[in-house]
Amino acid sequence: MTTIQYDQNGLIPVIIQHAKTKEVLTLAYANKEAVQKTMTTNETWLYSRSRSELWNKGATSGNTQKVTAIRLDCDGDSLIYEVIPNGPACHTGQDSCFFETIQGEHNKSPGDMFAHLSSLIETREKEMPEGAYTTYLFNEGVDKICKKVGEEASEVIIAAKNRDAKELAMETADLFYHVLVLLQEQKVGIQQVVEVLKERHTSKTNK
């Protein structure tokens, strides 16, 4: 097993990544004590080079992070904290510190989009903002949500039979959204669905 290699100052760079969307949230540093505290508490602990002290992410702002996994690179000299954030990671209020694109375009993968939408729906269920369509669905309950899934599935079939590519894309997006709402209502995470797909793919490729 690779051991953690700290630099001459006793520090190691830590990439903080959203556990669901896989978006990189920030880059910071940790010393041995911070890493140990992170492992013990499952909260993000880091070392401030400017203040020369340990700090617990969100202790002051409330924007805490639940650490779900810690990964070490092949050389042992950098870490990834996979986290579920409770609020923005950046002091500017942005979700990620890497919100400025200086060259090219930042395009999310389809998987990123599903994870982001799933996370947003989960937040909607917790906060239930007045006037939001997602709030309406959760208030109506599983029967209404299932009915919408069935309606949107029918619309997808009609669009496909009509060979209407634009309509098919729109109706499929509606279907995916309502399925994600249903998954959240049933407390089935999108990652559980992904794991089933992975398992099926693995079993087929190994035959």
Protein backbone atom coordinates (compact mmCIF):
# COMPACT_ATOMS: atom_id res chain seq x y z
CA MET A 1 0.00 0.00 0.00
CA THR A 2 1.29 3.46 -0.92
CA THR A 3 2.11 5.66 2.06
CA ILE A 4 1.36 9.37 2.29
CA GLN A 5 4.40 11.44 1.35
CA TYR A 6 4.43 14.91 2.93
CA ASP A 7 6.74 17.61 1.53
CA GLN A 8 9.63 19.27 3.36
CA ASN A 9 7.12 21.51 5.15
CA GLY A 10 5.06 18.55 6.30
CA LEU A 11 2.24 19.32 3.86
CA ILE A 12 0.42 17.53 1.07
CA PRO A 13 -1.84 19.09 -1.61
CA VAL A 14 -5.50 18.12 -1.33
CA ILE A 15 -7.95 18.28 -4.23
CA ILE A 16 -11.49 18.61 -2.90
CA GLN A 17 -14.02 17.04 -5.27
CA HIS A 18 -17.80 16.78 -5.15
CA ALA A 19 -18.56 13.12 -4.47
CA LYS A 20 -21.65 13.09 -6.70
CA THR A 21 -20.94 15.46 -9.58
CA LYS A 22 -17.14 14.89 -9.52
CA GLU A 23 -16.63 18.63 -9.96
CA VAL A 24 -13.33 19.91 -8.54
CA LEU A 25 -14.27 22.36 -5.79
CA THR A 26 -10.94 23.64 -4.55
CA LEU A 27 -7.24 22.91 -4.01
CA ALA A 28 -5.80 23.20 -0.52
CA TYR A 29 -3.13 21.69 1.73
CA ALA A 30 -3.14 19.43 4.77
CA ASN A 31 -0.56 18.23 7.26
CA LYS A 32 -0.57 14.88 9.00
CA GLU A 33 -2.79 16.08 11.84
CA ALA A 34 -5.35 17.53 9.42
CA VAL A 35 -5.48 14.29 7.44
CA GLN A 36 -5.93 12.28 10.64
CA LYS A 37 -8.71 14.58 11.82
CA THR A 38 -10.41 14.24 8.44
CA MET A 39 -10.24 10.45 8.69
CA THR A 40 -11.57 10.48 12.25
CA THR A 41 -14.41 13.00 11.85
CA ASN A 42 -15.31 12.56 8.15
CA GLU A 43 -15.18 16.34 7.90
CA THR A 44 -12.79 18.41 5.81
CA TRP A 45 -9.75 19.45 7.84
CA LEU A 46 -6.93 21.37 6.18
CA TYR A 47 -3.84 23.42 7.02
CA SER A 48 -3.77 27.16 6.31
CA ARG A 49 -0.34 28.15 5.05
CA SER A 50 -1.14 31.86 5.49
CA ARG A 51 -2.30 31.51 9.11
CA SER A 52 -0.06 28.54 9.96
CA GLU A 53 -2.89 26.65 11.63
CA LEU A 54 -5.41 23.85 11.14
CA TRP A 55 -8.87 24.74 9.94
CA ASN A 56 -12.14 22.89 9.71
CA LYS A 57 -13.96 23.76 6.47
CA GLY A 58 -17.26 25.45 7.28
CA ALA A 59 -16.64 25.88 11.01
CA THR A 60 -17.17 29.64 10.62
CA SER A 61 -19.24 29.95 7.43
CA GLY A 62 -21.45 26.91 7.97
CA ASN A 63 -20.47 25.58 4.53
CA THR A 64 -19.33 22.25 5.89
CA GLN A 65 -18.26 19.22 3.86
CA LYS A 66 -18.94 15.57 4.64
CA VAL A 67 -15.97 13.51 3.45
CA THR A 68 -17.12 10.25 1.86
CA ALA A 69 -13.74 9.03 0.59
CA ILE A 70 -10.04 9.91 0.62
CA ARG A 71 -7.92 8.90 -2.34
CA LEU A 72 -4.14 8.89 -2.62
CA ASP A 73 -2.29 9.19 -5.92
CA CYS A 74 0.21 6.62 -7.21
CA ASP A 75 3.24 8.54 -5.90
CA GLY A 76 1.64 9.16 -2.52
CA ASP A 77 2.20 12.91 -2.71
CA SER A 78 -1.32 14.25 -3.28
CA LEU A 79 -4.80 13.49 -1.98
CA ILE A 80 -8.39 13.78 -3.12
CA TYR A 81 -11.15 14.37 -0.60
CA GLU A 82 -14.49 13.34 -2.07
CA VAL A 83 -17.12 15.38 -0.26
CA ILE A 84 -20.81 16.17 -0.01
CA PRO A 85 -20.84 19.95 0.46
CA ASN A 86 -23.34 21.80 2.59
CA GLY A 87 -23.06 25.08 0.73
CA PRO A 88 -20.52 26.67 -1.61
CA ALA A 89 -16.87 25.65 -1.40
CA CYS A 90 -15.46 29.04 -2.41
CA HIS A 91 -15.29 32.08 -0.12
CA THR A 92 -16.76 34.12 -3.01
CA GLY A 93 -20.01 32.19 -2.74
CA GLN A 94 -19.36 30.11 -5.85
CA ASP A 95 -19.88 26.35 -5.67
CA SER A 96 -16.31 25.81 -6.86
CA CYS A 97 -13.17 27.91 -6.62
CA PHE A 98 -12.55 27.03 -10.29
CA PHE A 99 -15.41 29.09 -11.71
CA GLU A 100 -13.37 31.17 -14.18
CA THR A 101 -12.56 29.72 -17.61
CA ILE A 102 -9.53 31.44 -19.13
CA GLN A 103 -9.37 29.31 -22.28
CA GLY A 104 -11.75 26.98 -24.08
CA GLU A 105 -15.20 26.01 -22.86
CA HIS A 106 -16.15 24.19 -19.70
CA ASN A 107 -18.62 21.53 -20.79
CA LYS A 108 -20.16 19.16 -18.31
CA SER A 109 -20.39 15.52 -19.32
CA PRO A 110 -23.83 13.85 -19.45
CA GLY A 111 -22.95 12.11 -16.20
CA ASP A 112 -22.12 15.45 -14.57
CA MET A 113 -25.48 16.84 -15.67
CA PHE A 114 -27.41 13.91 -14.20
CA ALA A 115 -25.49 14.12 -10.93
CA HIS A 116 -26.01 17.88 -10.73
CA LEU A 117 -29.74 17.61 -11.45
CA SER A 118 -30.10 14.77 -8.93
CA SER A 119 -28.34 16.87 -6.30
CA LEU A 120 -30.56 19.86 -7.09
CA ILE A 121 -33.71 17.75 -6.75
CA GLU A 122 -32.46 16.44 -3.39
CA THR A 123 -31.97 20.05 -2.24
CA ARG A 124 -35.44 20.99 -3.47
CA GLU A 125 -36.98 18.21 -1.36
CA LYS A 126 -35.15 19.45 1.74
CA GLU A 127 -35.93 23.15 1.25
CA MET A 128 -39.31 22.86 -0.56
CA PRO A 129 -39.18 26.39 -2.04
CA GLU A 130 -42.63 27.84 -2.60
CA GLY A 131 -43.76 27.93 -6.23
CA ALA A 132 -41.19 25.42 -7.52
CA TYR A 133 -42.54 22.62 -9.74
CA THR A 134 -40.38 20.07 -7.94
CA THR A 135 -41.91 21.16 -4.62
CA TYR A 136 -45.35 20.65 -6.15
CA LEU A 137 -44.47 17.10 -7.17
CA PHE A 138 -43.14 16.19 -3.73
CA ASN A 139 -46.23 17.67 -2.09
CA GLU A 140 -48.50 15.64 -4.38
CA GLY A 141 -46.63 12.44 -3.59
CA VAL A 142 -45.65 9.22 -5.29
CA ASP A 143 -48.91 8.67 -7.21
CA LYS A 144 -48.60 12.02 -8.99
CA ILE A 145 -44.90 11.52 -9.70
CA CYS A 146 -45.52 8.02 -11.11
CA LYS A 147 -48.33 9.39 -13.26
CA LYS A 148 -45.99 12.03 -14.70
CA VAL A 149 -43.33 9.38 -15.42
CA GLY A 150 -45.93 7.37 -17.33
CA GLU A 151 -47.16 10.42 -19.26
CA GLU A 152 -43.65 11.48 -20.24
CA ALA A 153 -42.76 7.92 -21.30
CA SER A 154 -45.80 7.96 -23.60
CA GLU A 155 -44.71 11.33 -25.04
CA VAL A 156 -41.26 9.87 -25.75
CA ILE A 157 -42.86 6.99 -27.67
CA ILE A 158 -45.06 9.36 -29.69
CA ALA A 159 -42.10 11.60 -30.57
CA ALA A 160 -40.09 8.58 -31.67
CA LYS A 161 -42.95 7.24 -33.81
CA ASN A 162 -43.24 10.67 -35.42
CA ARG A 163 -39.50 10.72 -36.17
CA ASP A 164 -39.31 14.15 -34.54
CA ALA A 165 -35.74 14.41 -33.22
CA LYS A 166 -36.20 17.78 -31.48
CA GLU A 167 -39.41 16.68 -29.77
CA LEU A 168 -37.82 13.35 -28.81
CA ALA A 169 -34.93 15.13 -27.10
CA MET A 170 -37.31 17.44 -25.20
CA GLU A 171 -39.64 14.66 -24.09
CA THR A 172 -36.73 12.44 -23.07
CA ALA A 173 -35.35 15.28 -20.94
CA ASP A 174 -38.78 15.58 -19.27
CA LEU A 175 -38.84 11.82 -18.66
CA PHE A 176 -35.34 11.77 -17.17
CA TYR A 177 -36.24 14.66 -14.84
CA HIS A 178 -39.37 12.98 -13.54
CA VAL A 179 -37.55 9.67 -13.08
CA LEU A 180 -34.92 11.48 -10.98
CA VAL A 181 -37.70 13.03 -8.87
CA LEU A 182 -39.18 9.55 -8.40
CA LEU A 183 -35.79 8.15 -7.37
CA GLN A 184 -35.40 10.92 -4.80
CA GLU A 185 -38.91 10.34 -3.45
CA GLN A 186 -38.04 6.65 -3.03
CA LYS A 187 -34.59 7.51 -1.60
CA VAL A 188 -32.82 5.59 -4.37
CA GLY A 189 -29.63 7.47 -5.25
CA ILE A 190 -28.55 7.89 -8.87
CA GLN A 191 -25.30 6.19 -7.84
CA GLN A 192 -27.27 3.03 -7.01
CA VAL A 193 -28.58 2.98 -10.57
CA VAL A 194 -25.07 3.53 -11.91
CA GLU A 195 -23.77 0.63 -9.80
CA VAL A 196 -26.42 -1.68 -11.29
CA LEU A 197 -25.36 -0.63 -14.79
CA LYS A 198 -21.70 -1.18 -13.91
CA GLU A 199 -22.45 -4.62 -12.50
CA ARG A 200 -24.39 -5.64 -15.59
CA HIS A 201 -21.67 -4.31 -17.89
CA THR A 202 -18.94 -6.11 -15.92
CA SER A 203 -20.79 -9.41 -15.91
CA LYS A 204 -21.34 -9.25 -19.67
CA THR A 205 -17.77 -8.27 -20.55
CA ASN A 206 -16.38 -11.04 -18.34
CA LYS A 207 -18.36 -13.75 -20.13
